Protein backbone atom coordinates (compact mmCIF):
# COMPACT_ATOMS: atom_id res chain seq x y z
CA MET A 1 -0.01 0.03 0.02
CA ARG A 2 0.95 3.65 -0.61
CA ILE A 3 0.65 5.40 2.83
CA ALA A 4 1.07 8.96 3.62
CA ILE A 5 1.67 10.10 7.27
CA LEU A 6 0.89 13.74 7.91
CA HIS A 7 1.75 16.04 10.81
CA TYR A 8 2.73 19.57 11.42
CA THR A 9 6.46 18.57 11.92
CA LYS A 10 8.57 15.48 11.73
CA LEU A 11 11.96 14.14 12.80
CA PRO A 12 14.60 15.45 13.29
CA VAL A 13 12.26 17.76 15.15
CA ILE A 14 12.12 16.17 18.64
CA GLY A 15 8.73 15.44 20.15
CA GLY A 16 6.57 12.60 21.22
CA VAL A 17 4.31 12.69 18.11
CA GLU A 18 7.26 12.90 15.77
CA ARG A 19 8.89 10.03 17.32
CA VAL A 20 5.61 7.86 17.08
CA ILE A 21 5.24 8.85 13.47
CA GLY A 22 8.91 7.97 12.72
CA ASP A 23 8.38 4.50 14.41
CA GLN A 24 5.12 3.91 12.57
CA ALA A 25 6.78 4.76 9.15
CA LYS A 26 9.73 2.45 9.97
CA VAL A 27 7.74 -0.61 10.86
CA LEU A 28 5.08 -0.15 8.08
CA SER A 29 8.04 0.08 5.72
CA VAL A 30 9.47 -3.09 7.05
CA LEU A 31 5.96 -4.65 6.54
CA GLY A 32 6.28 -3.87 2.78
CA HIS A 33 4.43 -0.65 2.57
CA GLU A 34 5.49 2.43 0.64
CA VAL A 35 5.32 5.22 3.26
CA GLU A 36 6.12 8.81 3.28
CA VAL A 37 5.94 11.22 6.25
CA LEU A 38 4.88 14.73 5.08
CA THR A 39 4.31 18.25 6.54
CA ARG A 40 2.09 20.97 5.22
CA ASN A 41 4.59 22.26 2.60
CA GLU A 42 5.38 18.69 1.42
CA TRP A 43 1.83 17.57 1.11
CA HIS A 44 0.25 17.92 -2.44
CA GLY A 45 -2.20 15.13 -2.44
CA GLY A 46 -1.37 12.16 -4.51
CA SER A 47 -2.42 8.52 -5.22
CA TYR A 48 -2.33 7.12 -1.91
CA ASP A 49 -4.20 4.19 -0.48
CA VAL A 50 -4.18 5.35 3.16
CA VAL A 51 -3.51 8.78 4.65
CA ILE A 52 -2.86 8.88 8.41
CA VAL A 53 -3.43 12.33 9.85
CA HIS A 54 -1.74 12.96 13.28
CA ASN A 55 -3.45 15.75 15.22
CA VAL A 56 -4.00 17.99 12.23
CA PHE A 57 -7.72 17.39 12.54
CA THR A 58 -7.78 18.15 16.22
CA MET A 59 -5.14 20.80 16.87
CA PRO A 60 -5.60 24.41 15.80
CA PHE A 61 -2.03 25.09 14.66
CA ASP A 62 -2.98 25.69 10.93
CA LEU A 63 -6.74 25.61 10.42
CA ALA A 64 -6.50 26.39 6.74
CA TRP A 65 -4.64 23.07 6.23
CA THR A 66 -7.16 21.29 8.52
CA ALA A 67 -9.96 22.54 6.46
CA GLU A 68 -8.27 21.53 3.13
CA LEU A 69 -7.71 18.05 4.63
CA ILE A 70 -11.27 17.59 5.68
CA GLN A 71 -12.51 18.62 2.17
CA GLN A 72 -9.99 16.27 0.55
CA ALA A 73 -11.14 13.45 2.80
CA ALA A 74 -14.80 14.15 1.79
CA GLU A 75 -13.79 14.18 -1.98
CA THR A 76 -11.72 10.90 -1.78
CA PRO A 77 -13.80 8.23 -0.19
CA HIS A 78 -11.70 5.67 -1.99
CA ILE A 79 -8.79 6.72 0.19
CA ARG A 80 -8.70 5.22 3.67
CA TRP A 81 -8.29 8.41 5.82
CA ILE A 82 -7.36 7.73 9.53
CA ASN A 83 -7.69 10.47 12.15
CA TRP A 84 -5.08 9.80 14.81
CA VAL A 85 -5.87 11.82 17.87
CA HIS A 86 -3.23 12.57 20.30
CA ASP A 87 -4.66 15.83 21.65
CA VAL A 88 -8.04 17.41 21.39
CA ARG A 89 -8.21 21.35 21.19
CA TRP A 90 -10.27 21.85 18.03
CA CYS A 91 -13.12 19.88 17.01
CA GLU A 92 -15.60 22.07 15.29
CA LYS A 93 -15.80 19.79 12.30
CA VAL A 94 -15.31 15.92 12.40
CA PRO A 95 -13.54 14.52 9.35
CA PRO A 96 -14.97 11.47 7.32
CA ALA A 97 -12.31 9.19 8.63
CA VAL A 98 -11.59 6.32 10.71
CA HIS A 99 -10.82 7.69 14.22
CA VAL A 100 -8.02 6.41 16.44
CA ALA A 101 -7.38 7.73 19.84
CA VAL A 102 -4.07 7.13 21.82
CA SER A 103 -5.81 6.47 25.15
CA GLU A 104 -9.18 5.90 26.74
CA VAL A 105 -8.98 9.43 28.10
CA ARG A 106 -8.52 10.87 24.56
CA LYS A 107 -11.28 8.66 23.26
CA GLN A 108 -13.69 9.91 25.83
CA GLU A 109 -12.82 13.49 25.00
CA TYR A 110 -13.25 13.00 21.33
CA ALA A 111 -16.50 11.03 21.94
CA ARG A 112 -17.98 14.32 23.08
CA VAL A 113 -18.03 15.68 19.54
CA THR A 114 -18.82 12.55 17.41
CA THR A 115 -20.74 9.24 17.71
CA ASP A 116 -18.55 7.60 15.14
CA PRO A 117 -16.48 4.73 16.50
CA ILE A 118 -13.18 5.33 17.96
CA THR A 119 -10.37 2.79 18.18
CA VAL A 120 -7.87 3.01 20.89
CA ILE A 121 -4.33 2.27 19.85
CA PRO A 122 -1.54 3.31 22.28
CA ASN A 123 1.56 5.01 21.27
CA GLY A 124 4.29 2.32 20.67
CA VAL A 125 7.82 2.61 21.86
CA ASP A 126 10.92 1.24 20.07
CA ALA A 127 12.53 0.12 23.31
CA GLY A 128 15.66 -1.00 21.47
CA ASN A 129 16.30 2.47 20.26
CA VAL A 130 15.39 3.99 23.58
CA LEU A 131 17.80 1.78 25.52
CA GLY A 132 20.53 1.71 22.93
CA ILE A 133 20.23 -1.99 22.34
CA MET A 134 22.45 -3.20 19.57
CA GLU A 135 21.10 -4.89 16.48
CA ARG A 136 22.42 -8.24 17.24
CA VAL A 137 20.83 -8.36 20.68
CA CYS A 138 17.54 -6.77 19.48
CA GLY A 139 17.39 -9.78 16.92
CA LEU A 140 17.34 -12.26 19.91
CA LYS A 141 13.82 -10.92 20.82
CA LEU A 142 14.74 -11.07 24.42
CA GLU A 143 11.65 -8.98 25.35
CA ASN A 144 9.47 -12.15 24.52
CA GLU A 145 11.28 -14.30 27.22
CA ALA A 146 9.78 -14.87 30.78
CA LEU A 147 13.09 -14.65 32.79
CA ILE A 148 16.61 -14.04 31.64
CA LEU A 149 19.85 -15.03 33.46
CA LEU A 150 23.10 -13.52 32.26
CA GLN A 151 26.72 -14.70 32.77
CA PRO A 152 29.41 -12.81 31.04
CA THR A 153 32.29 -15.27 31.14
CA ARG A 154 34.87 -17.38 29.43
CA PHE A 155 34.97 -21.14 29.23
CA VAL A 156 37.07 -21.67 32.19
CA ARG A 157 36.26 -24.29 34.86
CA ARG A 158 36.26 -22.02 37.84
CA LYS A 159 33.46 -20.05 36.24
CA ASN A 160 31.23 -22.96 37.18
CA ILE A 161 28.79 -22.74 34.39
CA GLU A 162 27.52 -26.24 35.27
CA LEU A 163 25.87 -24.87 38.41
CA GLY A 164 24.08 -22.26 36.10
CA LEU A 165 22.81 -25.05 34.02
CA ARG A 166 21.41 -26.92 37.16
CA VAL A 167 19.79 -23.79 38.34
CA LEU A 168 18.29 -23.26 34.83
CA ALA A 169 16.82 -26.84 35.07
CA GLU A 170 14.83 -25.54 38.22
CA LEU A 171 13.61 -22.56 36.19
CA PRO A 172 11.65 -23.89 33.11
CA GLU A 173 10.60 -20.41 32.18
CA ALA A 174 14.05 -19.01 31.97
CA ILE A 175 16.89 -18.73 29.45
CA TYR A 176 20.48 -18.43 30.28
CA ASN A 177 22.78 -16.23 28.37
CA VAL A 178 26.42 -17.09 28.35
CA THR A 179 28.61 -14.67 26.45
CA ALA A 180 31.94 -16.59 25.63
CA ALA A 181 32.98 -18.74 22.97
CA PRO A 182 35.50 -21.71 23.35
CA ASP A 183 38.97 -20.44 23.02
CA PRO A 184 40.78 -22.40 20.28
CA HIS A 185 44.10 -21.77 22.22
CA GLN A 186 42.90 -23.35 25.39
CA ASP A 187 42.50 -27.10 25.04
CA ASP A 188 40.64 -27.50 28.35
CA GLY A 189 38.36 -24.76 27.32
CA ILE A 190 37.19 -26.50 24.23
CA VAL A 191 36.83 -29.70 26.29
CA TYR A 192 34.79 -27.85 29.13
CA PHE A 193 32.46 -26.40 26.44
CA LYS A 194 31.83 -29.82 25.02
CA GLU A 195 31.10 -31.15 28.58
CA LEU A 196 28.72 -28.20 29.22
CA GLY A 197 26.82 -28.93 26.05
CA GLU A 198 26.52 -32.65 27.17
CA LEU A 199 25.29 -31.67 30.54
CA ALA A 200 22.80 -29.17 29.19
CA GLN A 201 21.50 -31.93 26.93
CA THR A 202 21.39 -34.34 29.90
CA LEU A 203 19.44 -31.69 31.98
CA GLY A 204 16.96 -30.91 29.14
CA VAL A 205 18.00 -27.24 28.92
CA ARG A 206 19.96 -27.26 25.69
CA ASP A 207 17.61 -25.05 24.00
CA ARG A 208 17.52 -22.49 26.80
CA VAL A 209 21.15 -21.98 27.32
CA TRP A 210 22.40 -19.59 24.73
CA PHE A 211 26.19 -19.66 24.23
CA LEU A 212 26.00 -16.42 22.36
CA GLY A 213 29.81 -16.34 21.47
CA GLU A 214 29.73 -19.67 19.66
CA THR A 215 28.76 -18.26 16.30
CA ALA A 216 30.59 -14.87 16.45
CA PRO A 217 32.29 -12.80 19.13
CA LEU A 218 30.18 -10.28 21.10
CA SER A 219 31.28 -6.52 21.16
CA ASP A 220 31.49 -4.57 24.32
CA ALA A 221 28.23 -2.76 23.04
CA ASP A 222 26.57 -6.26 22.62
CA VAL A 223 27.37 -7.19 26.22
CA ARG A 224 26.06 -3.83 27.54
CA SER A 225 22.81 -4.53 25.60
CA LEU A 226 22.65 -7.89 27.29
CA TYR A 227 22.80 -6.35 30.76
CA GLN A 228 20.04 -4.00 29.68
CA MET A 229 17.79 -7.15 28.87
CA ALA A 230 18.78 -9.24 31.70
CA ASP A 231 16.62 -9.89 34.83
CA ALA A 232 19.55 -11.29 36.94
CA LEU A 233 23.26 -11.67 36.78
CA PHE A 234 24.31 -15.22 37.67
CA PHE A 235 27.93 -15.43 38.63
CA PRO A 236 28.67 -18.77 40.42
CA SER A 237 32.48 -18.87 40.11
CA THR A 238 34.38 -21.08 42.54
CA ALA A 239 37.36 -18.50 42.46
CA GLU A 240 37.97 -14.96 41.40
CA GLY A 241 40.65 -12.23 41.82
CA TYR A 242 38.05 -9.63 41.46
CA GLY A 243 34.69 -10.24 39.51
CA LEU A 244 34.27 -7.24 37.21
CA PRO A 245 30.75 -8.27 36.00
CA LEU A 246 29.40 -7.70 39.62
CA ILE A 247 30.20 -4.08 39.28
CA GLU A 248 28.99 -3.87 35.66
CA ALA A 249 25.59 -5.46 36.64
CA ALA A 250 25.10 -3.06 39.72
CA LEU A 251 25.94 -0.08 37.39
CA HIS A 252 23.13 -1.35 34.90
CA GLY A 253 20.79 -1.89 37.81
CA VAL A 254 20.76 -5.69 37.40
CA PRO A 255 20.14 -7.82 40.39
CA VAL A 256 23.29 -9.94 41.30
CA PHE A 257 23.34 -13.46 42.35
CA CYS A 258 26.83 -14.73 43.00
CA SER A 259 28.85 -17.31 44.83
CA ASP A 260 29.91 -16.61 48.32
CA ILE A 261 33.77 -16.35 47.86
CA PRO A 262 36.11 -13.68 49.19
CA ALA A 263 36.49 -11.61 45.98
CA HIS A 264 32.71 -11.38 45.62
CA ARG A 265 32.22 -10.32 49.07
CA GLU A 266 34.92 -7.56 48.65
CA VAL A 267 33.47 -6.05 45.27
CA ALA A 268 29.61 -6.92 45.05
CA VAL A 269 27.25 -4.15 45.58
CA GLY A 270 23.77 -5.32 47.01
CA ALA A 271 24.30 -8.88 45.79
CA GLU A 272 22.60 -12.02 46.88
CA PHE A 273 25.17 -14.55 47.86
CA PHE A 274 24.67 -18.34 47.83
CA ALA A 275 27.13 -21.05 48.94
CA LEU A 276 28.66 -23.18 46.30
CA ASP A 277 27.03 -26.31 47.86
CA GLU A 278 23.46 -24.78 48.04
CA GLU A 279 20.97 -26.75 46.25
CA PRO A 280 20.10 -25.47 42.74
CA ARG A 281 16.46 -25.59 43.54
CA LEU A 282 16.92 -23.25 46.47
CA ILE A 283 19.02 -20.75 44.38
CA ALA A 284 16.36 -20.97 41.74
CA ALA A 285 13.63 -20.08 44.10
CA ARG A 286 15.47 -17.15 45.51
CA ILE A 287 15.99 -15.71 41.87
CA ARG A 288 12.39 -16.22 41.07
CA GLU A 289 11.06 -14.64 44.08
CA HIS A 290 13.48 -11.67 44.25
CA PRO A 291 11.48 -8.37 44.00
CA ALA A 292 14.25 -6.75 41.93
CA VAL A 293 14.08 -9.67 39.56
CA LYS A 294 10.36 -9.20 39.23
CA GLN A 295 10.72 -5.56 38.50
CA ARG A 296 13.05 -6.31 35.67
CA GLN A 297 10.57 -8.81 34.32
CA GLN A 298 7.79 -6.10 34.58
CA ARG A 299 10.08 -3.72 32.63
CA ARG A 300 10.33 -6.17 29.74
CA GLY A 301 6.63 -6.81 29.94
CA LEU A 302 6.23 -3.18 29.22
CA MET A 303 8.51 -3.43 26.26
CA ARG A 304 6.36 -6.42 24.86
CA ARG A 305 3.05 -4.61 25.59
CA LEU A 306 4.03 -1.19 24.02
CA SER A 307 6.32 -2.51 21.24
CA CYS A 308 5.79 -0.28 18.43
CA GLU A 309 6.33 -3.20 15.96
CA GLY A 310 3.69 -5.26 17.65
CA ILE A 311 1.18 -2.43 17.95
CA VAL A 312 1.57 -1.64 14.16
CA ARG A 313 1.35 -5.29 13.17
CA GLU A 314 -1.79 -6.20 15.32
CA LEU A 315 -3.65 -2.90 15.74
CA LEU A 316 -2.61 -0.47 12.91
CA GLU A 317 -2.26 -2.57 9.95
CA PRO A 318 -5.66 -4.23 10.30
CA LEU A 319 -7.17 -0.60 10.01
CA LEU A 320 -5.49 0.10 6.76
CA LEU A 321 -8.13 -2.07 4.85
CA PRO A 322 -11.74 -1.14 4.44
CA PRO A 323 -14.29 -3.10 6.49
CA ASN A 324 -15.39 -5.23 3.36
CA ALA A 325 -11.93 -6.09 2.25
CA PRO A 326 -11.09 -9.85 2.04
């Protein structure tokens, strides 16, 4: 479809509506539509299938343009006109269009001036862009996971990744992100990696432990993105000289669950410590029930619920077709 999106201004002008429009245009383009974002000076009509008008019908910034668009909508019923209501400050004339409000509050306000149906579609958010998530990590779709454990580590036996696998087996809703790749210069690292794969298979968690460095090395920016998406740092080392990920996780606001060893006691900030011989099911229960972990899960739930991509696919795209379309 050929789609025009109209507003008084557009990116790079910074504003909430401008950002929403930019995100809508990006997702609609990915879905295969031909999309143009146009302001007053750029709009000259055209052979569009759909015209989405953001706020121009309901805000008195350029009433001459508002009147022109209302007339054009009346004269081109073959075009699907969508009146996207962010604000209601002018409503002397209701356009012949499909009405969309960004919230129930705006729907109620606009319902005072029209008996036409009004659909509520919330403003979506490109969380990856807001949080600076790298493309590789965005592609993992971690926002769709229920619980995410992260261990930034190399394949060295003292990192005790096998305990992470046993805890994972007690958390059927979780995935376990391990950042390293087996080091070809360390024979035991390759052997250890193979052993971990076999243990994961035995425990039935092979599809839920993601050895992310296995296909290609992760950049520092990728690892920062993984912190942004994690619900908990899991760091079960049997020995450390320091434990830098404990500091990194704290700086990212990620709850830390780590082994009770001297180096961790020295550097960890607000961590939950566990004994190396503590039962995996008990560690798993502590992770699942921790308030900070639940907050991180709620945060990612918000990312899912207000995903711009999901909103456009599920709520906006169906509105592009007339009601009698197949």
